[in-house]
Amino acid sequence: MSSSPGAHFVLYGRAWCHLCEDMRSELEPIAARHGLAIEWIDIDENPLLEARYDERVPVLTLDGVELCQYRLDARAVYAALGAREP
């Protein structure tokens, strides 16, 4: 399956966050299957992102749309992926 140029998941989290690591681990096979990269952004490195997300991490987005927070919502992820297909 091909993806749009620059299309990727963005996972906002923190280095010490076990929920963030869990979500990344669950997301990796889905992203690989759909040919999408996962961009990891540590919110603690950006005061604006830290203020925006703070205790809500992890937060997963695709094409700028927030899909889920705290735990991977596979149904939301697959729905978003399906909506992207031509």
N, C-alpha and C. Protein backbone atom coordinates (compact mmCIF):
# COMPACT_ATOMS: atom_id res chain seq x y z
N MET A 1 0.85 -1.17 0.00
CA MET A 1 0.00 0.00 0.00
C MET A 1 0.89 1.23 0.00
N SER A 2 0.60 2.18 -0.85
CA SER A 2 1.43 3.38 -0.91
C SER A 2 0.79 4.47 -0.08
N SER A 3 1.63 5.40 0.34
CA SER A 3 1.14 6.50 1.15
C SER A 3 1.42 7.82 0.44
N SER A 4 0.75 8.86 0.87
CA SER A 4 0.98 10.19 0.31
C SER A 4 2.35 10.67 0.75
N PRO A 5 3.01 11.48 -0.10
CA PRO A 5 4.31 12.00 0.29
C PRO A 5 4.20 12.76 1.61
N GLY A 6 5.10 12.46 2.52
CA GLY A 6 5.12 13.16 3.79
C GLY A 6 4.08 12.68 4.79
N ALA A 7 3.23 11.75 4.38
CA ALA A 7 2.20 11.25 5.30
C ALA A 7 2.86 10.39 6.37
N HIS A 8 2.48 10.65 7.59
CA HIS A 8 3.02 9.87 8.70
C HIS A 8 2.21 10.09 9.96
N PHE A 9 2.38 9.17 10.89
CA PHE A 9 1.81 9.34 12.21
C PHE A 9 2.71 10.26 13.01
N VAL A 10 2.12 11.04 13.89
CA VAL A 10 2.90 11.82 14.85
C VAL A 10 2.44 11.37 16.23
N LEU A 11 3.40 10.95 17.03
CA LEU A 11 3.13 10.49 18.39
C LEU A 11 3.77 11.47 19.36
N TYR A 12 2.93 12.18 20.09
CA TYR A 12 3.40 13.13 21.10
C TYR A 12 3.47 12.40 22.44
N GLY A 13 4.62 12.54 23.11
CA GLY A 13 4.76 11.85 24.39
C GLY A 13 5.92 12.39 25.19
N ARG A 14 6.34 11.58 26.14
CA ARG A 14 7.46 11.91 27.02
C ARG A 14 8.39 10.70 27.09
N ALA A 15 9.66 10.98 27.30
CA ALA A 15 10.66 9.92 27.34
C ALA A 15 10.39 8.92 28.46
N TRP A 16 9.87 9.35 29.57
CA TRP A 16 9.70 8.47 30.73
C TRP A 16 8.29 7.87 30.83
N CYS A 17 7.50 8.00 29.79
CA CYS A 17 6.09 7.62 29.81
C CYS A 17 5.89 6.19 29.30
N HIS A 18 5.49 5.28 30.18
CA HIS A 18 5.29 3.89 29.77
C HIS A 18 4.09 3.75 28.83
N LEU A 19 3.07 4.58 28.99
CA LEU A 19 1.93 4.52 28.06
C LEU A 19 2.37 4.93 26.65
N CYS A 20 3.30 5.87 26.58
CA CYS A 20 3.82 6.32 25.28
C CYS A 20 4.56 5.17 24.59
N GLU A 21 5.38 4.46 25.34
CA GLU A 21 6.11 3.33 24.77
C GLU A 21 5.14 2.22 24.35
N ASP A 22 4.10 2.00 25.16
CA ASP A 22 3.11 0.98 24.80
C ASP A 22 2.42 1.34 23.49
N MET A 23 2.02 2.61 23.36
CA MET A 23 1.33 3.02 22.14
C MET A 23 2.25 2.89 20.93
N ARG A 24 3.50 3.30 21.09
CA ARG A 24 4.44 3.20 19.97
C ARG A 24 4.63 1.74 19.55
N SER A 25 4.76 0.85 20.52
CA SER A 25 4.94 -0.57 20.21
C SER A 25 3.73 -1.15 19.48
N GLU A 26 2.53 -0.76 19.89
CA GLU A 26 1.32 -1.25 19.23
C GLU A 26 1.14 -0.64 17.85
N LEU A 27 1.60 0.59 17.67
CA LEU A 27 1.43 1.30 16.41
C LEU A 27 2.42 0.85 15.34
N GLU A 28 3.63 0.48 15.74
CA GLU A 28 4.69 0.16 14.77
C GLU A 28 4.27 -0.84 13.70
N PRO A 29 3.65 -1.99 14.05
CA PRO A 29 3.28 -2.93 12.98
C PRO A 29 2.19 -2.37 12.06
N ILE A 30 1.29 -1.58 12.59
CA ILE A 30 0.23 -0.97 11.76
C ILE A 30 0.86 0.01 10.79
N ALA A 31 1.75 0.86 11.29
CA ALA A 31 2.42 1.85 10.44
C ALA A 31 3.23 1.15 9.35
N ALA A 32 3.96 0.11 9.72
CA ALA A 32 4.78 -0.62 8.75
C ALA A 32 3.91 -1.24 7.65
N ARG A 33 2.80 -1.81 8.04
CA ARG A 33 1.89 -2.46 7.09
C ARG A 33 1.33 -1.45 6.08
N HIS A 34 1.19 -0.21 6.50
CA HIS A 34 0.62 0.83 5.63
C HIS A 34 1.69 1.76 5.04
N GLY A 35 2.94 1.43 5.25
CA GLY A 35 4.03 2.21 4.67
C GLY A 35 4.15 3.61 5.23
N LEU A 36 3.79 3.78 6.50
CA LEU A 36 3.84 5.10 7.12
C LEU A 36 4.90 5.14 8.21
N ALA A 37 5.54 6.26 8.33
CA ALA A 37 6.52 6.48 9.39
C ALA A 37 5.80 6.94 10.65
N ILE A 38 6.50 6.81 11.77
CA ILE A 38 6.01 7.36 13.04
C ILE A 38 7.02 8.41 13.48
N GLU A 39 6.57 9.63 13.59
CA GLU A 39 7.41 10.71 14.09
C GLU A 39 7.16 10.84 15.58
N TRP A 40 8.20 10.67 16.37
CA TRP A 40 8.11 10.77 17.83
C TRP A 40 8.47 12.20 18.22
N ILE A 41 7.61 12.85 19.00
CA ILE A 41 7.89 14.20 19.48
C ILE A 41 7.78 14.20 21.00
N ASP A 42 8.91 14.50 21.65
CA ASP A 42 8.95 14.60 23.11
C ASP A 42 8.44 15.98 23.49
N ILE A 43 7.27 16.04 24.11
CA ILE A 43 6.67 17.34 24.42
C ILE A 43 7.48 18.15 25.42
N ASP A 44 8.31 17.47 26.21
CA ASP A 44 9.11 18.19 27.20
C ASP A 44 10.21 19.03 26.57
N GLU A 45 10.45 18.85 25.27
CA GLU A 45 11.46 19.64 24.58
C GLU A 45 10.88 20.91 23.96
N ASN A 46 9.56 21.12 24.10
CA ASN A 46 8.91 22.28 23.51
C ASN A 46 7.85 22.79 24.48
N PRO A 47 8.06 23.97 25.07
CA PRO A 47 7.10 24.49 26.07
C PRO A 47 5.67 24.62 25.55
N LEU A 48 5.51 24.94 24.27
CA LEU A 48 4.15 25.07 23.72
C LEU A 48 3.45 23.71 23.66
N LEU A 49 4.19 22.69 23.24
CA LEU A 49 3.62 21.34 23.19
C LEU A 49 3.38 20.80 24.60
N GLU A 50 4.28 21.11 25.51
CA GLU A 50 4.10 20.66 26.89
C GLU A 50 2.84 21.28 27.47
N ALA A 51 2.61 22.56 27.21
CA ALA A 51 1.39 23.22 27.70
C ALA A 51 0.15 22.63 27.04
N ARG A 52 0.26 22.29 25.77
CA ARG A 52 -0.90 21.78 25.02
C ARG A 52 -1.29 20.36 25.45
N TYR A 53 -0.30 19.49 25.58
CA TYR A 53 -0.58 18.07 25.83
C TYR A 53 -0.39 17.63 27.28
N ASP A 54 0.58 18.17 27.96
CA ASP A 54 0.91 17.89 29.35
C ASP A 54 0.55 16.47 29.79
N GLU A 55 -0.48 16.30 30.59
CA GLU A 55 -0.83 14.98 31.15
C GLU A 55 -1.66 14.12 30.21
N ARG A 56 -1.95 14.59 29.00
CA ARG A 56 -2.77 13.83 28.05
C ARG A 56 -1.97 12.81 27.25
N VAL A 57 -0.66 12.83 27.34
CA VAL A 57 0.16 11.96 26.51
C VAL A 57 -0.01 10.50 26.88
N PRO A 58 0.18 9.62 25.92
CA PRO A 58 0.52 9.90 24.53
C PRO A 58 -0.71 10.35 23.73
N VAL A 59 -0.43 11.16 22.71
CA VAL A 59 -1.46 11.60 21.78
C VAL A 59 -0.97 11.23 20.38
N LEU A 60 -1.82 10.57 19.61
CA LEU A 60 -1.48 10.13 18.26
C LEU A 60 -2.28 10.92 17.24
N THR A 61 -1.58 11.43 16.22
CA THR A 61 -2.25 12.12 15.13
C THR A 61 -1.83 11.50 13.79
N LEU A 62 -2.69 11.70 12.80
CA LEU A 62 -2.40 11.32 11.42
C LEU A 62 -2.93 12.44 10.55
N ASP A 63 -2.07 12.98 9.70
CA ASP A 63 -2.44 14.10 8.84
C ASP A 63 -3.01 15.27 9.65
N GLY A 64 -2.47 15.47 10.86
CA GLY A 64 -2.89 16.59 11.69
C GLY A 64 -4.18 16.37 12.47
N VAL A 65 -4.78 15.19 12.34
CA VAL A 65 -6.02 14.89 13.04
C VAL A 65 -5.71 13.99 14.24
N GLU A 66 -6.17 14.41 15.42
CA GLU A 66 -5.95 13.62 16.62
C GLU A 66 -6.81 12.37 16.59
N LEU A 67 -6.16 11.21 16.74
CA LEU A 67 -6.87 9.93 16.68
C LEU A 67 -7.17 9.35 18.05
N CYS A 68 -6.21 9.47 18.97
CA CYS A 68 -6.42 8.89 20.29
C CYS A 68 -5.39 9.44 21.26
N GLN A 69 -5.68 9.21 22.55
CA GLN A 69 -4.74 9.58 23.60
C GLN A 69 -4.75 8.48 24.66
N TYR A 70 -3.70 8.42 25.42
CA TYR A 70 -3.49 7.43 26.49
C TYR A 70 -3.27 6.01 25.99
N ARG A 71 -4.19 5.47 25.22
CA ARG A 71 -4.09 4.10 24.69
C ARG A 71 -4.39 4.11 23.20
N LEU A 72 -3.79 3.19 22.46
CA LEU A 72 -4.05 3.11 21.03
C LEU A 72 -5.49 2.67 20.79
N ASP A 73 -6.21 3.46 20.02
CA ASP A 73 -7.57 3.11 19.60
C ASP A 73 -7.44 2.59 18.17
N ALA A 74 -7.25 1.27 18.05
CA ALA A 74 -7.00 0.67 16.74
C ALA A 74 -8.15 0.95 15.78
N ARG A 75 -9.36 0.97 16.27
CA ARG A 75 -10.51 1.22 15.40
C ARG A 75 -10.42 2.63 14.80
N ALA A 76 -10.05 3.61 15.60
CA ALA A 76 -9.90 4.99 15.09
C ALA A 76 -8.75 5.07 14.10
N VAL A 77 -7.67 4.36 14.37
CA VAL A 77 -6.52 4.37 13.46
C VAL A 77 -6.89 3.76 12.12
N TYR A 78 -7.53 2.59 12.14
CA TYR A 78 -7.92 1.95 10.88
C TYR A 78 -8.97 2.76 10.14
N ALA A 79 -9.87 3.42 10.84
CA ALA A 79 -10.86 4.28 10.19
C ALA A 79 -10.18 5.44 9.48
N ALA A 80 -9.19 6.05 10.14
CA ALA A 80 -8.45 7.16 9.54
C ALA A 80 -7.65 6.68 8.33
N LEU A 81 -7.04 5.52 8.44
CA LEU A 81 -6.29 4.98 7.31
C LEU A 81 -7.22 4.68 6.14
N GLY A 82 -8.38 4.12 6.41
CA GLY A 82 -9.35 3.82 5.38
C GLY A 82 -9.86 5.07 4.68
N ALA A 83 -10.00 6.13 5.44
CA ALA A 83 -10.48 7.39 4.86
C ALA A 83 -9.46 8.04 3.94
N ARG A 84 -8.19 7.66 4.09
CA ARG A 84 -7.12 8.23 3.27
C ARG A 84 -7.00 7.55 1.91
N GLU A 85 -7.51 6.34 1.80
CA GLU A 85 -7.34 5.57 0.56
C GLU A 85 -8.20 6.16 -0.54
N PRO A 86 -7.64 6.21 -1.77
CA PRO A 86 -8.40 6.77 -2.89
C PRO A 86 -9.60 5.92 -3.28
